[in-house]
């Protein structure tokens, strides 16, 4: 169990694991997010993560996309909603994202670069 007690109910296409790391939490995405409306499976998870991150005063979140083969525009929209929630918090409550990407998947570089443009002070990107 991780310090936030976050669990994602895996689907046949997507698994999300959450691990404690030294200075925060790592969330690892594996598989595909290609549903027409992934909001039903992702929004509640991201909202719960956001609320628990704030409550626990965690300041660092790693989102590991290196094993995420595909993320459609609907999935990107849900990520934007989560990141925007963080950006609207007062500075003392904001947390920072490190996006780990696989440079073999070109969509990851394009999509994460766009996310970084939204809130450049809250996001860093590392290529694995």
C-alpha atoms as a PDB file:
ATOM      1  CA  UNK A   1       0.000   0.000   0.000  1.00  0.00           C
ATOM      2  CA  UNK A   2       1.172   3.515  -0.708  1.00  0.00           C
ATOM      3  CA  UNK A   3       1.069   6.428   1.732  1.00  0.00           C
ATOM      4  CA  UNK A   4      -1.993   7.901  -0.001  1.00  0.00           C
ATOM      5  CA  UNK A   5      -3.901   4.599   0.022  1.00  0.00           C
ATOM      6  CA  UNK A   6      -4.608   5.113  -3.664  1.00  0.00           C
ATOM      7  CA  UNK A   7      -5.758   2.156  -5.717  1.00  0.00           C
ATOM      8  CA  UNK A   8      -6.810   1.970  -9.345  1.00  0.00           C
ATOM      9  CA  UNK A   9      -9.097  -0.819 -10.461  1.00  0.00           C
ATOM     10  CA  UNK A  10      -7.253  -2.194 -13.475  1.00  0.00           C
ATOM     11  CA  UNK A  11      -9.035  -2.785 -16.758  1.00  0.00           C
ATOM     12  CA  UNK A  12      -8.126  -5.127 -19.599  1.00  0.00           C
ATOM     13  CA  UNK A  13      -6.348  -2.179 -21.288  1.00  0.00           C
ATOM     14  CA  UNK A  14      -4.962  -0.109 -18.410  1.00  0.00           C
ATOM     15  CA  UNK A  15      -3.164  -0.630 -15.153  1.00  0.00           C
ATOM     16  CA  UNK A  16      -2.094   2.180 -12.820  1.00  0.00           C
ATOM     17  CA  UNK A  17       0.214   1.420  -9.898  1.00  0.00           C
ATOM     18  CA  UNK A  18       1.041   3.861  -7.116  1.00  0.00           C
ATOM     19  CA  UNK A  19       4.278   3.634  -5.138  1.00  0.00           C
ATOM     20  CA  UNK A  20       5.864   5.652  -2.401  1.00  0.00           C
ATOM     21  CA  UNK A  21       9.122   7.325  -3.339  1.00  0.00           C
ATOM     22  CA  UNK A  22      11.510   9.235  -1.116  1.00  0.00           C
ATOM     23  CA  UNK A  23      10.018  12.673  -1.612  1.00  0.00           C
ATOM     24  CA  UNK A  24       6.523  11.886  -2.870  1.00  0.00           C
ATOM     25  CA  UNK A  25       4.532   9.370  -4.877  1.00  0.00           C
ATOM     26  CA  UNK A  26       5.091   7.691  -8.230  1.00  0.00           C
ATOM     27  CA  UNK A  27       2.107   6.794 -10.405  1.00  0.00           C
ATOM     28  CA  UNK A  28       2.937   4.312 -13.175  1.00  0.00           C
ATOM     29  CA  UNK A  29       0.654   3.950 -16.196  1.00  0.00           C
ATOM     30  CA  UNK A  30       0.771   0.725 -18.262  1.00  0.00           C
ATOM     31  CA  UNK A  31      -1.238  -0.092 -21.357  1.00  0.00           C
ATOM     32  CA  UNK A  32      -3.647   2.028 -23.361  1.00  0.00           C
ATOM     33  CA  UNK A  33      -5.985   4.919 -22.658  1.00  0.00           C
ATOM     34  CA  UNK A  34      -8.034   4.824 -25.820  1.00  0.00           C
ATOM     35  CA  UNK A  35     -11.631   4.711 -24.604  1.00  0.00           C
ATOM     36  CA  UNK A  36     -13.990   7.180 -26.217  1.00  0.00           C
ATOM     37  CA  UNK A  37     -14.822   8.465 -22.735  1.00  0.00           C
ATOM     38  CA  UNK A  38     -12.075   7.537 -20.249  1.00  0.00           C
ATOM     39  CA  UNK A  39     -13.462  10.083 -17.790  1.00  0.00           C
ATOM     40  CA  UNK A  40     -15.515   7.437 -16.005  1.00  0.00           C
ATOM     41  CA  UNK A  41     -12.429   5.422 -15.068  1.00  0.00           C
ATOM     42  CA  UNK A  42      -9.862   8.211 -14.631  1.00  0.00           C
ATOM     43  CA  UNK A  43     -11.582  11.280 -13.192  1.00  0.00           C
ATOM     44  CA  UNK A  44     -12.447   9.728  -9.849  1.00  0.00           C
ATOM     45  CA  UNK A  45      -8.913   8.347  -9.500  1.00  0.00           C
ATOM     46  CA  UNK A  46      -7.289  11.708 -10.351  1.00  0.00           C
ATOM     47  CA  UNK A  47      -9.704  13.612  -8.096  1.00  0.00           C
ATOM     48  CA  UNK A  48      -8.995  11.249  -5.211  1.00  0.00           C
ATOM     49  CA  UNK A  49      -5.247  11.553  -5.843  1.00  0.00           C
ATOM     50  CA  UNK A  50      -5.480  15.353  -5.888  1.00  0.00           C
ATOM     51  CA  UNK A  51      -7.461  15.515  -2.639  1.00  0.00           C
ATOM     52  CA  UNK A  52      -5.161  13.086  -0.811  1.00  0.00           C
ATOM     53  CA  UNK A  53      -2.005  14.817  -2.090  1.00  0.00           C
ATOM     54  CA  UNK A  54      -3.218  18.129  -0.697  1.00  0.00           C
ATOM     55  CA  UNK A  55      -4.358  16.602   2.591  1.00  0.00           C
ATOM     56  CA  UNK A  56      -1.011  14.854   3.110  1.00  0.00           C
ATOM     57  CA  UNK A  57       1.040  17.896   1.994  1.00  0.00           C
ATOM     58  CA  UNK A  58       2.968  15.864  -0.573  1.00  0.00           C
ATOM     59  CA  UNK A  59       4.809  18.176  -2.952  1.00  0.00           C
ATOM     60  CA  UNK A  60       6.196  15.809  -5.591  1.00  0.00           C
ATOM     61  CA  UNK A  61       4.398  13.447  -7.970  1.00  0.00           C
ATOM     62  CA  UNK A  62       6.068  11.352 -10.639  1.00  0.00           C
ATOM     63  CA  UNK A  63       3.803  10.325 -13.495  1.00  0.00           C
ATOM     64  CA  UNK A  64       5.537   7.480 -15.312  1.00  0.00           C
ATOM     65  CA  UNK A  65       4.192   7.143 -18.850  1.00  0.00           C
ATOM     66  CA  UNK A  66       7.074   5.020 -20.161  1.00  0.00           C
ATOM     67  CA  UNK A  67       4.836   1.934 -20.451  1.00  0.00           C
ATOM     68  CA  UNK A  68       1.745   3.786 -21.619  1.00  0.00           C
ATOM     69  CA  UNK A  69       1.472   2.806 -25.256  1.00  0.00           C
ATOM     70  CA  UNK A  70      -1.313   5.195 -26.227  1.00  0.00           C
ATOM     71  CA  UNK A  71      -3.180   8.129 -24.701  1.00  0.00           C
ATOM     72  CA  UNK A  72      -6.010   9.634 -26.739  1.00  0.00           C
ATOM     73  CA  UNK A  73      -7.154  13.252 -26.664  1.00  0.00           C
ATOM     74  CA  UNK A  74      -9.931  12.449 -24.181  1.00  0.00           C
ATOM     75  CA  UNK A  75      -7.334  11.063 -21.767  1.00  0.00           C
ATOM     76  CA  UNK A  76      -5.139  14.118 -22.254  1.00  0.00           C
ATOM     77  CA  UNK A  77      -8.134  16.310 -21.436  1.00  0.00           C
ATOM     78  CA  UNK A  78      -8.564  14.545 -18.084  1.00  0.00           C
ATOM     79  CA  UNK A  79      -4.858  15.002 -17.297  1.00  0.00           C
ATOM     80  CA  UNK A  80      -5.206  18.706 -18.130  1.00  0.00           C
ATOM     81  CA  UNK A  81      -8.129  18.946 -15.708  1.00  0.00           C
ATOM     82  CA  UNK A  82      -6.029  17.417 -12.922  1.00  0.00           C
ATOM     83  CA  UNK A  83      -2.997  19.607 -13.594  1.00  0.00           C
ATOM     84  CA  UNK A  84      -5.194  22.702 -13.844  1.00  0.00           C
ATOM     85  CA  UNK A  85      -6.705  21.905 -10.417  1.00  0.00           C
ATOM     86  CA  UNK A  86      -3.197  21.903  -8.986  1.00  0.00           C
ATOM     87  CA  UNK A  87      -2.261  25.140 -10.767  1.00  0.00           C
ATOM     88  CA  UNK A  88      -5.255  26.972  -9.298  1.00  0.00           C
ATOM     89  CA  UNK A  89      -4.241  26.180  -5.716  1.00  0.00           C
ATOM     90  CA  UNK A  90      -2.447  28.728  -3.596  1.00  0.00           C
ATOM     91  CA  UNK A  91       1.290  28.397  -4.043  1.00  0.00           C
ATOM     92  CA  UNK A  92       1.812  26.854  -0.597  1.00  0.00           C
ATOM     93  CA  UNK A  93      -0.559  23.981  -1.479  1.00  0.00           C
ATOM     94  CA  UNK A  94       0.659  23.305  -5.030  1.00  0.00           C
ATOM     95  CA  UNK A  95       2.575  20.146  -5.840  1.00  0.00           C
ATOM     96  CA  UNK A  96       5.019  19.447  -8.644  1.00  0.00           C
ATOM     97  CA  UNK A  97       4.901  16.860 -11.401  1.00  0.00           C
ATOM     98  CA  UNK A  98       7.760  15.009 -13.016  1.00  0.00           C
ATOM     99  CA  UNK A  99       6.576  13.340 -16.208  1.00  0.00           C
ATOM    100  CA  UNK A 100       8.679  10.332 -17.184  1.00  0.00           C
ATOM    101  CA  UNK A 101       8.325   9.546 -20.865  1.00  0.00           C
ATOM    102  CA  UNK A 102       9.535   6.971 -23.350  1.00  0.00           C
ATOM    103  CA  UNK A 103      11.103   8.736 -26.329  1.00  0.00           C
ATOM    104  CA  UNK A 104      10.213   5.731 -28.525  1.00  0.00           C
ATOM    105  CA  UNK A 105       6.598   6.901 -28.329  1.00  0.00           C
ATOM    106  CA  UNK A 106       6.572  10.223 -30.198  1.00  0.00           C
ATOM    107  CA  UNK A 107       3.096  11.120 -28.951  1.00  0.00           C
ATOM    108  CA  UNK A 108       4.507  11.237 -25.403  1.00  0.00           C
ATOM    109  CA  UNK A 109       6.982  13.992 -26.253  1.00  0.00           C
ATOM    110  CA  UNK A 110       4.336  16.024 -28.071  1.00  0.00           C
ATOM    111  CA  UNK A 111       1.607  15.625 -25.464  1.00  0.00           C
ATOM    112  CA  UNK A 112       3.784  16.166 -22.410  1.00  0.00           C
ATOM    113  CA  UNK A 113       5.414  19.226 -23.974  1.00  0.00           C
ATOM    114  CA  UNK A 114       1.947  20.694 -24.369  1.00  0.00           C
ATOM    115  CA  UNK A 115       1.145  19.902 -20.719  1.00  0.00           C
ATOM    116  CA  UNK A 116       4.358  21.612 -19.624  1.00  0.00           C
ATOM    117  CA  UNK A 117       3.393  24.729 -21.592  1.00  0.00           C
ATOM    118  CA  UNK A 118       0.216  24.984 -19.500  1.00  0.00           C
ATOM    119  CA  UNK A 119       2.075  25.226 -16.192  1.00  0.00           C
ATOM    120  CA  UNK A 120       5.830  25.367 -16.813  1.00  0.00           C
ATOM    121  CA  UNK A 121       6.663  26.007 -13.158  1.00  0.00           C
ATOM    122  CA  UNK A 122       4.895  22.853 -11.964  1.00  0.00           C
ATOM    123  CA  UNK A 123       6.042  20.292 -14.556  1.00  0.00           C
ATOM    124  CA  UNK A 124       9.383  18.803 -15.518  1.00  0.00           C
ATOM    125  CA  UNK A 125       9.834  16.131 -18.169  1.00  0.00           C
ATOM    126  CA  UNK A 126      12.443  13.392 -18.210  1.00  0.00           C
ATOM    127  CA  UNK A 127      13.079  10.995 -21.076  1.00  0.00           C
ATOM    128  CA  UNK A 128      13.773   7.385 -20.211  1.00  0.00           C
END
